[in-house]
Amino acid sequence: MLVHASEFRLNPSRRVVPVGRLIVQVKNIGEDDHNLAIRAANGHILRITPVLHPGDLAELRIRLTPGRYWLVCTIPEHEGHGMVTAFTVRKPARRR
């Protein structure tokens, strides 16, 4: 999944991903510093990037079980300005 971060949006390339290993790349295309965290439904931060300056790229690797998760910028006030979006992890459909 690729996520573009800018003022004040997170734009993921996918909203639904398969269960298992996930690689998230985040690119700061904005003018301000940002970061990216993956937050579980219970509110716990599972992974977080360092602060990304304009133009920086970072990567998170994680194994996820089915459910709903959030991508969020944890820099103060950024989430409140809209830098949060949900995504879903689900098992692939069985082929017949």
N, C-alpha and C. Protein backbone atom coordinates (compact mmCIF):
# COMPACT_ATOMS: atom_id res chain seq x y z
N MET A 1 0.85 -1.16 0.00
CA MET A 1 0.00 0.00 0.00
C MET A 1 0.90 1.23 0.00
N LEU A 2 0.56 2.19 -0.81
CA LEU A 2 1.27 3.47 -0.85
C LEU A 2 0.35 4.53 -0.25
N VAL A 3 0.89 5.35 0.64
CA VAL A 3 0.12 6.42 1.27
C VAL A 3 0.82 7.75 1.00
N HIS A 4 0.08 8.71 0.45
CA HIS A 4 0.60 10.06 0.28
C HIS A 4 0.10 10.90 1.46
N ALA A 5 1.01 11.60 2.11
CA ALA A 5 0.68 12.47 3.24
C ALA A 5 0.89 13.91 2.82
N SER A 6 -0.11 14.74 3.08
CA SER A 6 0.00 16.17 2.79
C SER A 6 -0.91 16.91 3.76
N GLU A 7 -1.00 18.20 3.64
CA GLU A 7 -1.80 19.02 4.53
C GLU A 7 -3.27 18.96 4.10
N PHE A 8 -4.12 18.54 4.88
CA PHE A 8 -4.01 17.66 6.04
C PHE A 8 -4.78 16.40 5.67
N ARG A 9 -4.17 15.56 4.85
CA ARG A 9 -4.80 14.36 4.32
C ARG A 9 -3.82 13.19 4.28
N LEU A 10 -4.40 12.01 4.42
CA LEU A 10 -3.69 10.76 4.15
C LEU A 10 -4.45 10.09 3.02
N ASN A 11 -3.77 9.80 1.93
CA ASN A 11 -4.42 9.24 0.76
C ASN A 11 -3.81 7.87 0.45
N PRO A 12 -4.43 6.77 0.94
CA PRO A 12 -3.89 5.43 0.68
C PRO A 12 -4.30 4.92 -0.69
N SER A 13 -3.46 4.10 -1.28
CA SER A 13 -3.75 3.52 -2.59
C SER A 13 -4.81 2.43 -2.49
N ARG A 14 -5.02 1.87 -1.30
CA ARG A 14 -6.01 0.81 -1.09
C ARG A 14 -6.71 1.02 0.24
N ARG A 15 -7.97 0.62 0.29
CA ARG A 15 -8.75 0.69 1.53
C ARG A 15 -9.02 -0.71 2.10
N VAL A 16 -8.79 -1.72 1.28
CA VAL A 16 -8.95 -3.11 1.71
C VAL A 16 -7.69 -3.86 1.32
N VAL A 17 -7.11 -4.59 2.29
CA VAL A 17 -5.89 -5.36 2.04
C VAL A 17 -6.10 -6.77 2.56
N PRO A 18 -5.36 -7.75 2.00
CA PRO A 18 -5.50 -9.13 2.48
C PRO A 18 -4.81 -9.34 3.83
N VAL A 19 -5.32 -10.31 4.56
CA VAL A 19 -4.75 -10.68 5.85
C VAL A 19 -3.29 -11.13 5.65
N GLY A 20 -2.47 -10.91 6.64
CA GLY A 20 -1.07 -11.33 6.57
C GLY A 20 -0.12 -10.16 6.55
N ARG A 21 0.98 -10.37 5.86
CA ARG A 21 2.05 -9.36 5.82
C ARG A 21 1.65 -8.17 4.96
N LEU A 22 1.84 -6.99 5.51
CA LEU A 22 1.52 -5.75 4.81
C LEU A 22 2.75 -4.86 4.81
N ILE A 23 3.05 -4.31 3.65
CA ILE A 23 4.10 -3.31 3.52
C ILE A 23 3.41 -2.00 3.17
N VAL A 24 3.63 -1.00 3.99
CA VAL A 24 3.05 0.32 3.76
C VAL A 24 4.20 1.28 3.49
N GLN A 25 4.16 1.93 2.35
CA GLN A 25 5.11 2.98 2.04
C GLN A 25 4.38 4.31 2.16
N VAL A 26 5.02 5.27 2.80
CA VAL A 26 4.42 6.59 2.94
C VAL A 26 5.37 7.63 2.37
N LYS A 27 4.81 8.53 1.58
CA LYS A 27 5.57 9.61 0.96
C LYS A 27 4.96 10.93 1.42
N ASN A 28 5.80 11.79 1.98
CA ASN A 28 5.34 13.12 2.38
C ASN A 28 5.40 14.03 1.16
N ILE A 29 4.23 14.30 0.60
CA ILE A 29 4.16 15.18 -0.57
C ILE A 29 3.73 16.59 -0.18
N GLY A 30 3.67 16.85 1.13
CA GLY A 30 3.25 18.14 1.63
C GLY A 30 4.41 19.08 1.89
N GLU A 31 4.08 20.18 2.53
CA GLU A 31 5.08 21.20 2.87
C GLU A 31 5.47 21.16 4.34
N ASP A 32 4.68 20.45 5.15
CA ASP A 32 4.95 20.33 6.59
C ASP A 32 5.50 18.94 6.89
N ASP A 33 6.07 18.78 8.09
CA ASP A 33 6.50 17.46 8.55
C ASP A 33 5.28 16.62 8.89
N HIS A 34 5.36 15.32 8.63
CA HIS A 34 4.30 14.37 8.96
C HIS A 34 4.93 13.06 9.40
N ASN A 35 4.12 12.15 9.91
CA ASN A 35 4.53 10.78 10.14
C ASN A 35 3.34 9.89 9.83
N LEU A 36 3.50 8.59 9.98
CA LEU A 36 2.38 7.68 9.74
C LEU A 36 2.43 6.58 10.78
N ALA A 37 1.28 6.35 11.41
CA ALA A 37 1.14 5.26 12.37
C ALA A 37 0.00 4.37 11.92
N ILE A 38 0.11 3.08 12.27
CA ILE A 38 -0.99 2.15 12.10
C ILE A 38 -1.57 1.92 13.49
N ARG A 39 -2.86 2.22 13.63
CA ARG A 39 -3.53 2.11 14.93
C ARG A 39 -4.59 1.02 14.87
N ALA A 40 -4.62 0.16 15.87
CA ALA A 40 -5.62 -0.91 15.97
C ALA A 40 -6.94 -0.34 16.48
N ALA A 41 -7.99 -1.15 16.38
CA ALA A 41 -9.32 -0.74 16.83
C ALA A 41 -9.35 -0.39 18.31
N ASN A 42 -8.46 -1.01 19.10
CA ASN A 42 -8.42 -0.71 20.54
C ASN A 42 -7.63 0.56 20.87
N GLY A 43 -7.13 1.25 19.84
CA GLY A 43 -6.42 2.51 20.04
C GLY A 43 -4.91 2.39 20.13
N HIS A 44 -4.38 1.17 20.23
CA HIS A 44 -2.94 0.99 20.33
C HIS A 44 -2.24 1.27 19.00
N ILE A 45 -1.13 1.97 19.08
CA ILE A 45 -0.28 2.20 17.91
C ILE A 45 0.55 0.93 17.70
N LEU A 46 0.43 0.33 16.52
CA LEU A 46 1.14 -0.91 16.22
C LEU A 46 2.50 -0.66 15.58
N ARG A 47 2.58 0.32 14.70
CA ARG A 47 3.83 0.70 14.03
C ARG A 47 3.77 2.20 13.77
N ILE A 48 4.94 2.83 13.74
CA ILE A 48 4.99 4.27 13.46
C ILE A 48 6.31 4.60 12.76
N THR A 49 6.23 5.51 11.83
CA THR A 49 7.44 5.98 11.15
C THR A 49 8.06 7.11 11.97
N PRO A 50 9.30 7.43 11.68
CA PRO A 50 9.85 8.67 12.24
C PRO A 50 9.18 9.86 11.54
N VAL A 51 9.49 11.04 11.99
CA VAL A 51 8.98 12.25 11.34
C VAL A 51 9.54 12.31 9.92
N LEU A 52 8.65 12.57 8.98
CA LEU A 52 9.03 12.66 7.57
C LEU A 52 9.00 14.12 7.14
N HIS A 53 10.12 14.60 6.68
CA HIS A 53 10.19 15.96 6.15
C HIS A 53 9.65 15.95 4.73
N PRO A 54 9.29 17.11 4.17
CA PRO A 54 8.78 17.16 2.81
C PRO A 54 9.70 16.39 1.85
N GLY A 55 9.07 15.50 1.06
CA GLY A 55 9.81 14.69 0.09
C GLY A 55 10.30 13.36 0.61
N ASP A 56 10.28 13.14 1.95
CA ASP A 56 10.78 11.89 2.52
C ASP A 56 9.84 10.73 2.24
N LEU A 57 10.41 9.53 2.22
CA LEU A 57 9.70 8.28 2.02
C LEU A 57 10.09 7.33 3.15
N ALA A 58 9.11 6.61 3.70
CA ALA A 58 9.38 5.63 4.75
C ALA A 58 8.54 4.39 4.49
N GLU A 59 8.88 3.31 5.21
CA GLU A 59 8.19 2.04 5.01
C GLU A 59 7.90 1.40 6.36
N LEU A 60 6.70 0.83 6.49
CA LEU A 60 6.32 0.05 7.66
C LEU A 60 6.01 -1.36 7.20
N ARG A 61 6.45 -2.36 7.96
CA ARG A 61 6.14 -3.77 7.68
C ARG A 61 5.46 -4.34 8.91
N ILE A 62 4.35 -5.03 8.66
CA ILE A 62 3.56 -5.56 9.78
C ILE A 62 2.70 -6.72 9.30
N ARG A 63 2.41 -7.65 10.21
CA ARG A 63 1.45 -8.72 9.94
C ARG A 63 0.15 -8.35 10.65
N LEU A 64 -0.95 -8.38 9.91
CA LEU A 64 -2.23 -7.98 10.47
C LEU A 64 -3.27 -9.09 10.34
N THR A 65 -4.12 -9.19 11.34
CA THR A 65 -5.24 -10.11 11.32
C THR A 65 -6.47 -9.37 10.78
N PRO A 66 -7.53 -10.09 10.43
CA PRO A 66 -8.72 -9.41 9.91
C PRO A 66 -9.26 -8.37 10.88
N GLY A 67 -9.73 -7.27 10.33
CA GLY A 67 -10.31 -6.22 11.16
C GLY A 67 -10.15 -4.86 10.52
N ARG A 68 -10.52 -3.86 11.29
CA ARG A 68 -10.44 -2.46 10.85
C ARG A 68 -9.28 -1.80 11.58
N TYR A 69 -8.50 -1.05 10.83
CA TYR A 69 -7.33 -0.34 11.35
C TYR A 69 -7.36 1.09 10.85
N TRP A 70 -6.53 1.93 11.46
CA TRP A 70 -6.47 3.32 11.05
C TRP A 70 -5.04 3.71 10.72
N LEU A 71 -4.90 4.52 9.69
CA LEU A 71 -3.65 5.22 9.40
C LEU A 71 -3.82 6.61 9.96
N VAL A 72 -2.82 7.08 10.69
CA VAL A 72 -2.95 8.37 11.36
C VAL A 72 -1.60 9.06 11.44
N CYS A 73 -1.61 10.38 11.31
CA CYS A 73 -0.42 11.19 11.58
C CYS A 73 -0.51 11.59 13.05
N THR A 74 0.53 11.27 13.82
CA THR A 74 0.49 11.53 15.27
C THR A 74 1.14 12.84 15.66
N ILE A 75 1.56 13.64 14.69
CA ILE A 75 2.09 14.97 15.03
C ILE A 75 0.95 15.78 15.63
N PRO A 76 1.20 16.50 16.72
CA PRO A 76 0.12 17.20 17.42
C PRO A 76 -0.79 18.00 16.47
N GLU A 77 -2.09 17.80 16.66
CA GLU A 77 -3.18 18.47 15.96
C GLU A 77 -3.40 17.99 14.53
N HIS A 78 -2.50 17.19 13.95
CA HIS A 78 -2.68 16.76 12.56
C HIS A 78 -3.88 15.82 12.41
N GLU A 79 -4.05 14.88 13.35
CA GLU A 79 -5.20 13.99 13.26
C GLU A 79 -6.50 14.78 13.33
N GLY A 80 -6.56 15.74 14.20
CA GLY A 80 -7.75 16.59 14.34
C GLY A 80 -8.06 17.41 13.10
N HIS A 81 -7.05 17.65 12.30
CA HIS A 81 -7.24 18.39 11.05
C HIS A 81 -7.57 17.46 9.88
N GLY A 82 -7.69 16.15 10.14
CA GLY A 82 -8.12 15.24 9.09
C GLY A 82 -7.12 14.20 8.64
N MET A 83 -5.97 14.13 9.28
CA MET A 83 -4.96 13.15 8.86
C MET A 83 -5.20 11.81 9.54
N VAL A 84 -6.33 11.21 9.21
CA VAL A 84 -6.70 9.89 9.71
C VAL A 84 -7.63 9.25 8.67
N THR A 85 -7.41 7.97 8.41
CA THR A 85 -8.27 7.23 7.49
C THR A 85 -8.27 5.76 7.87
N ALA A 86 -9.38 5.11 7.67
CA ALA A 86 -9.52 3.70 8.03
C ALA A 86 -9.19 2.81 6.84
N PHE A 87 -8.75 1.59 7.15
CA PHE A 87 -8.63 0.55 6.13
C PHE A 87 -9.01 -0.77 6.77
N THR A 88 -9.36 -1.73 5.92
CA THR A 88 -9.86 -3.02 6.38
C THR A 88 -8.92 -4.13 5.93
N VAL A 89 -8.66 -5.06 6.84
CA VAL A 89 -7.90 -6.27 6.52
C VAL A 89 -8.89 -7.41 6.51
N ARG A 90 -8.94 -8.15 5.39
CA ARG A 90 -9.87 -9.28 5.33
C ARG A 90 -9.25 -10.47 4.65
N LYS A 91 -9.81 -11.62 5.00
CA LYS A 91 -9.35 -12.87 4.37
C LYS A 91 -9.78 -12.86 2.91
N PRO A 92 -8.94 -13.40 2.03
CA PRO A 92 -9.33 -13.48 0.63
C PRO A 92 -10.53 -14.42 0.46
N ALA A 93 -11.36 -14.12 -0.51
CA ALA A 93 -12.52 -14.98 -0.80
C ALA A 93 -12.02 -16.33 -1.31
N ARG A 94 -12.69 -17.39 -0.92
CA ARG A 94 -12.33 -18.73 -1.39
C ARG A 94 -12.80 -18.90 -2.83
N ARG A 95 -11.93 -19.46 -3.64
CA ARG A 95 -12.29 -19.73 -5.03
C ARG A 95 -12.91 -21.12 -5.12
N ARG A 96 -13.88 -21.25 -5.94
CA ARG A 96 -14.56 -22.54 -6.12
C ARG A 96 -14.07 -23.23 -7.35
